[in-house]
Amino acid sequence: MSRSHRIPAPLIAAGAMLWGMLLSAASGEEALSIRHQRTGALYTVGEPIVVSVSGPPRVSVEVTDSENRPVPSPSSAVSQASAGGSVTLEPGRLPLSWYTLTVTAANKSARTAFGVVPPLNDRVAARQSRFGAIVSPRGKPAAIPDIVHSLKLAGVRWLDIDIPMAQLNPGKGVYDWESVGRTGRAHFDAFARAAHKEGLCLMLKFLGQADWVSKRTGKDVHASWDPALNLSPPGDAAQWAEAVRAVVGRYRDVCDTWEIGNEPEGHGYFKGSDDEYMAYLETTARAIRAVQPKATIVAASMYNGGGVLPRLVKRPDLFDVMSVHYITGPHGDISPLSHYLTAMKEAGISKTVWNTESRGNGGASPPTPGESSHYSAEGAHNQSPTKAYVRNFALGVSRVFVFSWNLDEGRTIVDRDDTPRRSTVEFRTMADQLEGAEFVRKVELGKDFSGYHFRGGDDFLVAWSDVAGRAMRVRLTAKQNLTLTDTMGRTKTAPAENGVTTVEVAYEPVFVHGLAAGFEVR
């Protein structure tokens, strides 16, 4: 028998450091653990936050905000509950933010995180959204609805998911649609359908296949994350096309956007030549369109183009979207967007460009003093999603997928237990601020500072310092008081005096609303 204890809203109304208790009488050294009853741990204002605690019979619970400041409480009472109990935190007026909840008992402690975000605001239809994430369909089946709802609450509207062909199509004519992968990238079928039901858009990626249809089967052709997945080209085009048609037939009711290959010019994720990739693209694209004639084909996912780019631009009939990677990242072999635009111009074609793998860790680790988030700087790995996405939009990229929601190779939004990182709440804030807005111009703020003018419901500025620890006060012309929104979604007013408003710009981006279309920096 379990018991639930509810901490009254007045304890939170002032802000809320919580004290609770729990659990079960057991002798000896007991483990202390805590978990959210909602996988994903994102809540909208007013929703109760329910956590389960196991361990010693008396514990204290403390909540700290995104700046690691304790949330104050008028009470330090400790209540009692039986084994298997829970504590419910009523948000009340708990501000929008990312929070850490720490449970302590004697010399033991356990910690988890949660986020409080605004109610959903679908300013534009999901198909028109520019905000995506690379996602692995993992987690217990019962948690999948929570996980896809958390993705939506975080502001993600497009999901980029690898198709686990080695599991779905393990042999010729054999299809196991509900197969569970060995490495945790599992429940593909259930996840894809749950995401569609939640209103999210899918881009499913063909990346490798089982050995039976592969051109080579040596020891160096399999994926590091899935030993059954062969990354060499298919050996029999007709048999591969048949498998592709089966997959598209299975998922055409939930997906009409298909990505073909990953970084083929590097010959790591596609272990074949440039010409073999073009043949793979042609076979796969034609098979997709045989089943789904109006499908959107996303090609290549390149990081520098290599020998694939000059071949690709000569075959515009095979794809609709040119996909690039890491255009704001620090790697020396990453080509700028201009490289792809120039190649298309010289070939006389024009295609939409998506960045299907963008950095944006959102402070996965705190920036060190002097760390830089400039283009190509090492700190770009640790830059916030706001900086990454704003730079992409300013360059003309129409859709961006962060790398990634939950892949171990590039986990940037949630932790292994699916609890949110600070960047989860920032991602939601960024989406709310930028969804439906168009880039207008870059605003010069001085060396090591970045400013970008957008126009949506009003004219606004997104600004930040590119050197950690460096800040400055920026004077902007303004006919009215301005509203400043930080990355946690919290707002404050900057008063206008004599037609000028002063705004503090630091390493964390700020959104400045209420500006005139022709505002100036003074």
Protein backbone atom coordinates (compact mmCIF):
# COMPACT_ATOMS: atom_id res chain seq x y z
CA MET A 1 0.00 0.00 0.00
CA SER A 2 1.43 3.39 -0.97
CA ARG A 3 0.53 6.77 0.31
CA SER A 4 0.72 10.17 -1.43
CA HIS A 5 1.44 13.37 0.47
CA ARG A 6 0.58 16.68 -1.16
CA ILE A 7 2.51 19.79 -0.18
CA PRO A 8 -0.01 22.66 -0.21
CA ALA A 9 0.28 25.35 -2.85
CA PRO A 10 1.00 28.10 -0.28
CA LEU A 11 4.37 26.49 0.40
CA ILE A 12 5.25 27.10 -3.22
CA ALA A 13 3.54 30.43 -3.69
CA ALA A 14 6.53 32.32 -2.33
CA GLY A 15 8.80 30.38 -4.58
CA ALA A 16 9.16 26.88 -3.04
CA MET A 17 11.87 25.04 -1.29
CA LEU A 18 10.18 21.82 -0.43
CA TRP A 19 10.51 19.55 2.47
CA GLY A 20 9.00 16.17 2.30
CA MET A 21 9.64 12.84 3.65
CA LEU A 22 9.29 9.34 2.66
CA LEU A 23 9.72 6.02 2.98
CA SER A 24 9.94 2.75 3.99
CA ALA A 25 11.18 1.23 7.12
CA ALA A 26 14.02 -1.08 6.34
CA SER A 27 17.00 -1.90 8.40
CA GLY A 28 20.64 -1.37 7.51
CA GLU A 29 22.06 0.88 4.81
CA GLU A 30 19.29 1.68 2.39
CA ALA A 31 19.78 3.01 -1.13
CA LEU A 32 18.25 6.41 -1.77
CA SER A 33 16.61 7.07 -5.12
CA ILE A 34 14.11 9.41 -6.68
CA ARG A 35 12.23 9.35 -9.97
CA HIS A 36 9.51 11.29 -11.71
CA GLN A 37 6.24 9.55 -12.29
CA ARG A 38 6.09 11.35 -15.65
CA THR A 39 8.93 10.34 -17.96
CA GLY A 40 10.46 13.49 -19.39
CA ALA A 41 9.74 15.64 -16.31
CA LEU A 42 8.43 18.66 -18.20
CA TYR A 43 5.38 20.36 -16.72
CA THR A 44 3.27 23.33 -17.66
CA VAL A 45 2.38 25.99 -15.13
CA GLY A 46 -0.17 24.68 -12.65
CA GLU A 47 0.47 20.98 -13.20
CA PRO A 48 1.41 18.92 -10.12
CA ILE A 49 4.93 17.50 -10.12
CA VAL A 50 4.89 13.98 -8.72
CA VAL A 51 8.09 12.19 -7.68
CA SER A 52 8.61 8.83 -6.02
CA VAL A 53 11.34 8.41 -3.42
CA SER A 54 12.72 5.21 -1.95
CA GLY A 55 15.21 4.81 0.87
CA PRO A 56 15.45 5.80 4.54
CA PRO A 57 12.26 6.74 6.37
CA ARG A 58 13.10 10.44 6.76
CA VAL A 59 14.36 12.65 3.95
CA SER A 60 14.49 16.35 3.14
CA VAL A 61 13.79 17.74 -0.31
CA GLU A 62 15.36 20.91 -1.67
CA VAL A 63 14.63 22.67 -4.97
CA THR A 64 17.14 24.95 -6.71
CA ASP A 65 16.59 26.99 -9.86
CA SER A 66 18.58 27.22 -13.09
CA GLU A 67 21.17 29.46 -11.40
CA ASN A 68 21.50 26.96 -8.54
CA ARG A 69 19.72 29.27 -6.12
CA PRO A 70 17.55 27.59 -3.46
CA VAL A 71 13.87 28.25 -3.90
CA PRO A 72 12.80 29.61 -0.48
CA SER A 73 10.04 28.12 1.64
CA PRO A 74 8.30 29.32 4.78
CA SER A 75 8.37 25.84 6.23
CA SER A 76 10.90 23.14 7.01
CA ALA A 77 8.39 20.56 8.20
CA VAL A 78 9.11 16.92 7.51
CA SER A 79 6.15 14.60 7.05
CA GLN A 80 5.96 10.83 7.19
CA ALA A 81 4.86 8.22 4.66
CA SER A 82 5.00 4.50 4.18
CA ALA A 83 7.12 2.54 1.74
CA GLY A 84 6.44 3.35 -1.88
CA GLY A 85 5.27 6.87 -1.09
CA SER A 86 5.43 9.96 -3.24
CA VAL A 87 5.66 13.71 -2.91
CA THR A 88 3.59 16.03 -5.06
CA LEU A 89 4.94 19.51 -5.68
CA GLU A 90 2.28 21.98 -6.67
CA PRO A 91 3.90 24.57 -8.97
CA GLY A 92 1.52 27.39 -8.10
CA ARG A 93 3.44 30.51 -9.01
CA LEU A 94 6.74 28.67 -9.45
CA PRO A 95 8.45 30.69 -12.21
CA LEU A 96 9.21 29.27 -15.61
CA SER A 97 12.63 27.68 -15.38
CA TRP A 98 14.69 24.52 -15.11
CA TYR A 99 14.96 23.12 -11.57
CA THR A 100 17.02 20.58 -9.66
CA LEU A 101 15.34 18.59 -6.91
CA THR A 102 17.69 17.05 -4.32
CA VAL A 103 16.64 14.46 -1.74
CA THR A 104 18.90 14.07 1.31
CA ALA A 105 18.93 11.50 4.13
CA ALA A 106 21.85 11.25 6.54
CA ASN A 107 24.95 11.09 4.34
CA LYS A 108 23.11 10.05 1.22
CA SER A 109 21.50 12.16 -1.48
CA ALA A 110 19.77 11.68 -4.82
CA ARG A 111 19.02 14.28 -7.45
CA THR A 112 16.72 14.77 -10.39
CA ALA A 113 15.65 17.65 -12.60
CA PHE A 114 12.42 19.03 -13.99
CA GLY A 115 11.28 21.97 -16.08
CA VAL A 116 8.31 24.32 -15.82
CA VAL A 117 7.33 25.69 -19.22
CA PRO A 118 4.34 27.64 -20.57
CA PRO A 119 1.22 25.92 -21.90
CA LEU A 120 1.64 24.79 -25.50
CA ASN A 121 1.49 27.57 -28.05
CA ASP A 122 1.19 26.27 -31.61
CA ARG A 123 1.83 29.58 -33.32
CA VAL A 124 2.34 27.83 -36.65
CA ALA A 125 1.33 24.39 -37.88
CA ALA A 126 3.87 21.67 -37.09
CA ARG A 127 4.68 21.17 -40.78
CA GLN A 128 5.74 24.80 -41.05
CA SER A 129 7.85 24.70 -37.89
CA ARG A 130 11.60 25.13 -38.20
CA PHE A 131 12.48 23.31 -34.97
CA GLY A 132 13.60 19.70 -35.03
CA ALA A 133 15.72 17.21 -33.10
CA ILE A 134 17.49 13.95 -33.86
CA VAL A 135 15.80 11.36 -31.66
CA SER A 136 16.40 7.73 -30.76
CA PRO A 137 13.17 5.75 -30.21
CA ARG A 138 14.20 4.42 -26.84
CA GLY A 139 12.57 4.03 -23.46
CA LYS A 140 10.11 1.59 -21.98
CA PRO A 141 6.99 1.15 -24.12
CA ALA A 142 4.71 2.51 -21.40
CA ALA A 143 6.80 5.71 -21.26
CA ILE A 144 6.66 6.48 -24.99
CA PRO A 145 3.55 8.73 -24.78
CA ASP A 146 5.24 10.77 -22.04
CA ILE A 147 8.45 11.02 -24.05
CA VAL A 148 6.81 12.29 -27.23
CA HIS A 149 4.71 14.73 -25.19
CA SER A 150 7.91 16.00 -23.58
CA LEU A 151 9.37 16.55 -27.05
CA LYS A 152 6.36 18.67 -27.92
CA LEU A 153 6.50 20.57 -24.62
CA ALA A 154 10.17 21.30 -25.33
CA GLY A 155 9.23 23.04 -28.59
CA VAL A 156 10.39 20.26 -30.93
CA ARG A 157 8.04 19.76 -33.89
CA TRP A 158 10.15 17.66 -36.28
CA LEU A 159 11.86 14.37 -35.40
CA ASP A 160 14.76 12.88 -37.38
CA ILE A 161 14.86 9.12 -36.67
CA ASP A 162 17.05 6.40 -38.16
CA ILE A 163 15.13 3.51 -39.70
CA PRO A 164 16.47 0.30 -38.05
CA MET A 165 16.53 -1.68 -41.28
CA ALA A 166 18.62 -4.53 -39.84
CA GLN A 167 15.84 -5.26 -37.36
CA LEU A 168 12.82 -4.38 -39.52
CA ASN A 169 14.06 -6.35 -42.56
CA PRO A 170 16.47 -9.05 -41.29
CA GLY A 171 16.09 -11.28 -44.37
CA LYS A 172 14.77 -11.28 -47.92
CA GLY A 173 11.02 -10.85 -47.78
CA VAL A 174 11.09 -10.89 -43.96
CA TYR A 175 9.65 -7.91 -42.07
CA ASP A 176 9.42 -7.61 -38.32
CA TRP A 177 7.84 -4.19 -37.88
CA GLU A 178 7.67 -4.27 -34.10
CA SER A 179 11.19 -5.61 -33.55
CA VAL A 180 13.15 -4.19 -30.62
CA GLY A 181 16.76 -3.20 -31.30
CA ARG A 182 19.59 -4.71 -29.29
CA THR A 183 21.28 -1.44 -28.37
CA GLY A 184 18.40 0.56 -26.93
CA ARG A 185 17.35 2.27 -30.17
CA ALA A 186 14.16 0.34 -29.85
CA HIS A 187 10.40 0.48 -30.26
CA PHE A 188 10.71 2.24 -33.64
CA ASP A 189 7.22 1.37 -34.83
CA ALA A 190 5.45 2.33 -31.59
CA PHE A 191 7.53 5.49 -31.22
CA ALA A 192 6.90 6.70 -34.76
CA ARG A 193 3.15 6.19 -34.40
CA ALA A 194 3.01 7.81 -30.95
CA ALA A 195 4.90 10.84 -32.25
CA HIS A 196 2.52 11.21 -35.17
CA LYS A 197 -0.46 10.91 -32.83
CA GLU A 198 1.04 13.70 -30.70
CA GLY A 199 1.11 15.91 -33.79
CA LEU A 200 4.85 15.79 -34.44
CA CYS A 201 6.29 15.55 -37.97
CA LEU A 202 8.65 12.73 -38.86
CA MET A 203 11.69 12.62 -41.11
CA LEU A 204 12.74 8.98 -41.30
CA LYS A 205 16.31 8.24 -42.39
CA PHE A 206 17.53 5.33 -44.49
CA LEU A 207 20.92 4.50 -43.00
CA GLY A 208 22.29 1.03 -43.67
CA GLN A 209 20.56 -2.33 -43.88
CA ALA A 210 20.98 -5.98 -42.88
CA ASP A 211 23.83 -8.13 -44.24
CA TRP A 212 21.56 -10.13 -46.54
CA VAL A 213 21.19 -7.27 -49.03
CA SER A 214 24.56 -5.57 -48.50
CA LYS A 215 27.38 -5.32 -50.99
CA ARG A 216 30.07 -6.18 -48.42
CA THR A 217 29.95 -8.01 -45.11
CA GLY A 218 33.47 -7.67 -43.72
CA LYS A 219 34.24 -6.67 -40.16
CA ASP A 220 34.63 -2.96 -40.92
CA VAL A 221 31.25 -2.26 -42.50
CA HIS A 222 28.96 -2.44 -39.46
CA ALA A 223 27.71 0.41 -37.28
CA SER A 224 29.40 0.91 -33.92
CA TRP A 225 26.02 1.37 -32.22
CA ASP A 226 24.36 -1.64 -33.88
CA PRO A 227 26.52 -4.61 -35.00
CA ALA A 228 23.66 -5.91 -37.15
CA LEU A 229 23.50 -2.72 -39.22
CA ASN A 230 25.61 -2.87 -42.39
CA LEU A 231 26.71 0.55 -43.70
CA SER A 232 28.06 -0.62 -47.06
CA PRO A 233 25.86 0.01 -50.13
CA PRO A 234 23.13 -2.49 -51.00
CA GLY A 235 24.44 -5.18 -53.33
CA ASP A 236 21.26 -5.79 -55.31
CA ALA A 237 19.38 -2.65 -56.38
CA ALA A 238 16.13 -4.48 -57.13
CA GLN A 239 16.00 -6.25 -53.77
CA TRP A 240 16.87 -3.02 -51.95
CA ALA A 241 14.14 -1.13 -53.81
CA GLU A 242 11.66 -3.79 -52.78
CA ALA A 243 12.63 -3.35 -49.11
CA VAL A 244 12.35 0.44 -49.38
CA ARG A 245 8.89 0.19 -50.92
CA ALA A 246 7.80 -2.06 -48.05
CA VAL A 247 9.04 0.42 -45.44
CA VAL A 248 7.40 3.41 -47.13
CA GLY A 249 4.19 1.42 -47.52
CA ARG A 250 4.23 0.64 -43.82
CA TYR A 251 4.85 4.24 -42.66
CA ARG A 252 3.34 6.43 -45.37
CA ASP A 253 0.39 7.16 -43.08
CA VAL A 254 2.71 8.82 -40.53
CA CYS A 255 5.63 10.11 -42.67
CA ASP A 256 6.13 11.74 -46.06
CA THR A 257 9.67 13.08 -45.57
CA TRP A 258 12.59 10.69 -46.07
CA GLU A 259 16.31 11.29 -45.56
CA ILE A 260 18.71 9.17 -47.61
CA GLY A 261 22.13 8.57 -46.09
CA ASN A 262 24.36 10.29 -43.59
CA GLU A 263 27.64 12.10 -44.38
CA PRO A 264 28.36 9.93 -47.43
CA GLU A 265 31.43 11.96 -48.39
CA GLY A 266 33.19 10.79 -45.24
CA HIS A 267 32.75 7.08 -46.10
CA GLY A 268 32.13 6.30 -42.42
CA TYR A 269 28.34 6.27 -42.12
CA PHE A 270 28.12 5.28 -45.77
CA LYS A 271 30.91 2.84 -46.49
CA GLY A 272 30.97 3.21 -50.24
CA SER A 273 32.32 5.49 -52.96
CA ASP A 274 30.81 8.78 -54.09
CA ASP A 275 29.38 7.12 -57.20
CA GLU A 276 27.95 4.31 -55.08
CA TYR A 277 26.16 6.89 -52.94
CA MET A 278 24.59 8.47 -56.02
CA ALA A 279 23.39 5.06 -57.17
CA TYR A 280 22.02 4.39 -53.67
CA LEU A 281 20.26 7.77 -53.67
CA GLU A 282 18.68 7.13 -57.06
CA THR A 283 17.46 3.63 -56.22
CA THR A 284 16.08 4.70 -52.83
CA ALA A 285 14.44 7.92 -54.07
CA ARG A 286 12.72 6.17 -56.98
CA ALA A 287 11.47 3.40 -54.69
CA ILE A 288 10.07 5.95 -52.23
CA ARG A 289 8.25 7.88 -54.95
CA ALA A 290 6.85 4.70 -56.46
CA VAL A 291 4.81 4.35 -53.26
CA GLN A 292 4.52 8.00 -52.23
CA PRO A 293 4.80 10.22 -55.35
CA LYS A 294 4.66 13.51 -53.42
CA ALA A 295 7.21 12.49 -50.78
CA THR A 296 9.90 14.98 -49.79
CA ILE A 297 13.39 13.54 -50.37
CA VAL A 298 16.21 14.90 -48.20
CA ALA A 299 19.60 14.06 -49.67
CA ALA A 300 23.12 13.46 -48.49
CA SER A 301 23.41 15.18 -45.08
CA MET A 302 26.90 16.44 -45.90
CA TYR A 303 29.48 18.15 -43.70
CA ASN A 304 31.84 19.34 -46.47
CA GLY A 305 30.41 17.86 -49.66
CA GLY A 306 33.55 16.05 -50.76
CA GLY A 307 33.03 14.31 -54.10
CA VAL A 308 29.31 13.87 -53.44
CA LEU A 309 28.30 17.54 -53.72
CA PRO A 310 29.46 18.10 -57.35
CA ARG A 311 27.66 14.91 -58.35
CA LEU A 312 24.52 15.72 -56.35
CA VAL A 313 23.90 19.15 -57.87
CA LYS A 314 23.81 17.53 -61.32
CA ARG A 315 20.86 15.34 -60.26
CA PRO A 316 18.21 17.74 -58.90
CA ASP A 317 15.54 15.26 -59.98
CA LEU A 318 16.57 12.92 -57.15
CA PHE A 319 16.01 15.22 -54.15
CA ASP A 320 13.98 18.15 -52.83
CA VAL A 321 16.07 19.32 -49.86
CA MET A 322 19.83 19.69 -49.53
CA SER A 323 20.93 18.64 -46.06
CA VAL A 324 24.05 19.93 -44.28
CA HIS A 325 25.71 19.32 -40.90
CA TYR A 326 27.47 21.40 -38.27
CA ILE A 327 27.60 24.70 -40.13
CA THR A 328 28.25 26.58 -36.88
CA GLY A 329 30.49 23.94 -35.30
CA PRO A 330 34.22 23.98 -34.52
CA HIS A 331 35.54 21.28 -36.84
CA GLY A 332 38.13 22.39 -39.38
CA ASP A 333 36.75 20.17 -42.14
CA ILE A 334 33.23 21.57 -41.92
CA SER A 335 32.31 23.71 -44.92
CA PRO A 336 30.33 26.95 -44.58
CA LEU A 337 26.87 27.22 -46.05
CA SER A 338 28.23 29.34 -48.89
CA HIS A 339 30.05 26.25 -50.20
CA TYR A 340 26.74 24.49 -50.89
CA LEU A 341 24.98 27.60 -52.20
CA THR A 342 27.82 28.26 -54.63
CA ALA A 343 27.71 24.67 -55.89
CA MET A 344 23.97 24.94 -56.55
CA LYS A 345 24.33 28.33 -58.25
CA GLU A 346 27.07 27.05 -60.55
CA ALA A 347 24.88 24.05 -61.43
CA GLY A 348 21.90 26.31 -62.10
CA ILE A 349 19.66 24.75 -59.44
CA SER A 350 18.00 25.98 -56.26
CA LYS A 351 17.02 23.76 -53.34
CA THR A 352 15.81 24.36 -49.81
CA VAL A 353 18.60 23.82 -47.26
CA TRP A 354 18.07 22.14 -43.88
CA ASN A 355 20.69 21.68 -41.20
CA THR A 356 19.99 18.15 -40.01
CA GLU A 357 22.70 18.06 -37.38
CA SER A 358 23.39 21.27 -35.48
CA ARG A 359 25.22 21.73 -32.22
CA GLY A 360 23.44 23.42 -29.36
CA ASN A 361 24.29 21.84 -26.01
CA GLY A 362 22.82 24.71 -24.10
CA GLY A 363 25.51 24.69 -21.46
CA ALA A 364 25.79 20.93 -21.04
CA SER A 365 28.68 22.05 -18.87
CA PRO A 366 29.04 25.62 -17.53
CA PRO A 367 31.20 27.82 -19.76
CA THR A 368 34.69 28.47 -18.46
CA PRO A 369 35.75 32.15 -18.22
CA GLY A 370 36.93 33.26 -21.63
CA GLU A 371 35.27 30.35 -23.48
CA SER A 372 34.14 31.44 -26.93
CA SER A 373 30.98 30.58 -28.84
CA HIS A 374 32.21 32.25 -32.03
CA TYR A 375 31.91 30.34 -35.30
CA SER A 376 34.40 27.47 -35.38
CA ALA A 377 35.53 28.06 -31.77
CA GLU A 378 35.78 25.07 -29.43
CA GLY A 379 33.06 26.61 -27.29
CA ALA A 380 30.64 26.14 -30.19
CA HIS A 381 30.20 22.59 -28.89
CA ASN A 382 28.83 24.10 -25.69
CA GLN A 383 26.92 26.99 -27.22
CA SER A 384 23.25 27.37 -26.42
CA PRO A 385 20.61 26.15 -28.87
CA THR A 386 19.50 29.77 -29.24
CA LYS A 387 22.89 30.79 -30.64
CA ALA A 388 23.03 27.79 -32.97
CA TYR A 389 19.52 28.20 -34.36
CA VAL A 390 19.63 31.99 -34.70
CA ARG A 391 22.87 31.74 -36.68
CA ASN A 392 21.35 29.09 -38.92
CA PHE A 393 18.24 31.17 -39.63
CA ALA A 394 20.37 34.23 -40.34
CA LEU A 395 22.28 32.21 -42.95
CA GLY A 396 19.08 31.21 -44.71
CA VAL A 397 18.60 27.67 -43.37
CA SER A 398 14.88 27.03 -43.14
CA ARG A 399 14.82 24.08 -40.72
CA VAL A 400 17.31 22.96 -38.06
CA PHE A 401 17.61 19.66 -36.17
CA VAL A 402 19.63 19.73 -32.97
CA PHE A 403 22.12 16.91 -32.39
CA SER A 404 20.53 15.48 -30.41
CA TRP A 405 17.62 14.86 -28.07
CA ASN A 406 18.92 11.62 -26.58
CA LEU A 407 21.60 9.86 -28.67
CA ASP A 408 24.54 8.88 -26.48
CA GLU A 409 26.96 10.04 -29.18
CA GLY A 410 25.62 13.57 -29.00
CA ARG A 411 23.13 13.91 -26.16
CA THR A 412 22.38 17.60 -25.67
CA ILE A 413 18.80 18.01 -24.48
CA VAL A 414 17.89 15.25 -22.02
CA ASP A 415 19.93 13.01 -19.70
CA ARG A 416 20.04 9.21 -19.74
CA ASP A 417 16.99 8.97 -17.49
CA ASP A 418 15.04 11.27 -19.85
CA THR A 419 15.01 14.15 -17.37
CA PRO A 420 15.54 17.56 -18.96
CA ARG A 421 18.78 19.47 -19.07
CA ARG A 422 18.80 23.22 -18.79
CA SER A 423 18.88 23.37 -22.59
CA THR A 424 15.45 21.69 -22.76
CA VAL A 425 13.76 24.74 -21.26
CA GLU A 426 15.92 27.06 -23.34
CA PHE A 427 14.91 25.16 -26.49
CA ARG A 428 11.25 25.73 -25.64
CA THR A 429 11.85 29.44 -24.94
CA MET A 430 13.72 29.82 -28.23
CA ALA A 431 10.94 28.08 -30.18
CA ASP A 432 8.27 30.26 -28.59
CA GLN A 433 10.27 33.39 -29.37
CA LEU A 434 11.33 32.57 -32.93
CA GLU A 435 8.53 30.41 -34.35
CA GLY A 436 6.94 32.27 -37.23
CA ALA A 437 9.49 35.10 -37.10
CA GLU A 438 11.71 36.08 -40.04
CA PHE A 439 15.32 37.20 -39.92
CA VAL A 440 15.73 40.87 -40.89
CA ARG A 441 19.38 41.85 -40.40
CA LYS A 442 22.48 41.39 -38.33
CA VAL A 443 23.00 44.16 -35.79
CA GLU A 444 26.55 45.26 -35.03
CA LEU A 445 27.09 45.41 -31.29
CA GLY A 446 30.90 45.39 -31.25
CA LYS A 447 33.66 42.81 -31.10
CA ASP A 448 32.71 39.56 -29.32
CA PHE A 449 29.00 40.46 -29.25
CA SER A 450 26.28 39.22 -31.60
CA GLY A 451 22.89 40.74 -32.40
CA TYR A 452 20.17 39.60 -34.80
CA HIS A 453 17.01 41.50 -35.71
CA PHE A 454 13.88 39.37 -36.27
CA ARG A 455 10.31 40.31 -37.12
CA GLY A 456 7.33 38.27 -35.97
CA GLY A 457 4.45 39.68 -33.97
CA ASP A 458 6.78 42.66 -33.42
CA ASP A 459 10.37 43.65 -34.14
CA PHE A 460 12.82 42.16 -31.69
CA LEU A 461 16.51 41.65 -31.11
CA VAL A 462 18.31 38.47 -30.05
CA ALA A 463 21.67 39.36 -28.51
CA TRP A 464 24.53 37.76 -26.61
CA SER A 465 28.23 37.90 -25.79
CA ASP A 466 30.45 35.35 -27.53
CA VAL A 467 33.01 35.32 -24.72
CA ALA A 468 32.02 33.83 -21.37
CA GLY A 469 32.41 36.33 -18.55
CA ARG A 470 32.24 39.35 -20.83
CA ALA A 471 29.16 41.58 -20.80
CA MET A 472 28.22 45.11 -21.76
CA ARG A 473 25.34 47.55 -21.59
CA VAL A 474 23.80 48.28 -24.99
CA ARG A 475 21.77 51.44 -25.63
CA LEU A 476 18.90 50.97 -28.09
CA THR A 477 16.55 53.58 -29.51
CA ALA A 478 13.05 52.87 -28.22
CA LYS A 479 9.77 54.76 -28.17
CA GLN A 480 8.36 52.55 -25.43
CA ASN A 481 9.45 50.31 -22.60
CA LEU A 482 11.00 47.07 -23.84
CA THR A 483 10.37 43.52 -22.65
CA LEU A 484 13.41 41.33 -22.00
CA THR A 485 13.05 37.54 -22.03
CA ASP A 486 15.84 35.27 -20.82
CA THR A 487 16.43 31.70 -22.00
CA MET A 488 14.26 30.29 -19.20
CA GLY A 489 11.27 32.28 -20.48
CA ARG A 490 11.28 34.78 -17.62
CA THR A 491 10.52 38.39 -18.52
CA LYS A 492 11.24 41.83 -17.13
CA THR A 493 10.80 45.40 -18.33
CA ALA A 494 13.53 47.76 -19.50
CA PRO A 495 12.20 51.33 -19.24
CA ALA A 496 12.65 53.81 -22.08
CA GLU A 497 14.01 57.23 -21.13
CA ASN A 498 14.30 60.04 -23.68
CA GLY A 499 13.89 57.57 -26.53
CA VAL A 500 16.65 55.21 -25.37
CA THR A 501 16.63 51.94 -23.42
CA THR A 502 19.69 50.28 -21.90
CA VAL A 503 19.96 46.48 -22.08
CA GLU A 504 22.54 44.22 -20.43
CA VAL A 505 24.03 41.73 -22.92
CA ALA A 506 25.97 38.76 -21.51
CA TYR A 507 26.93 35.21 -22.54
CA GLU A 508 23.38 33.93 -22.13
CA PRO A 509 21.17 35.20 -24.99
CA VAL A 510 18.40 37.71 -24.33
CA PHE A 511 15.30 38.44 -26.45
CA VAL A 512 14.47 42.17 -26.57
CA HIS A 513 10.89 42.90 -27.67
CA GLY A 514 9.03 46.11 -28.46
CA LEU A 515 11.56 47.72 -30.79
CA ALA A 516 10.71 49.87 -33.78
CA ALA A 517 11.50 48.45 -37.22
CA GLY A 518 14.35 50.91 -37.70
CA PHE A 519 15.84 50.78 -34.19
CA GLU A 520 19.45 51.76 -33.77
CA VAL A 521 22.31 50.98 -31.39
CA ARG A 522 23.59 54.09 -29.63
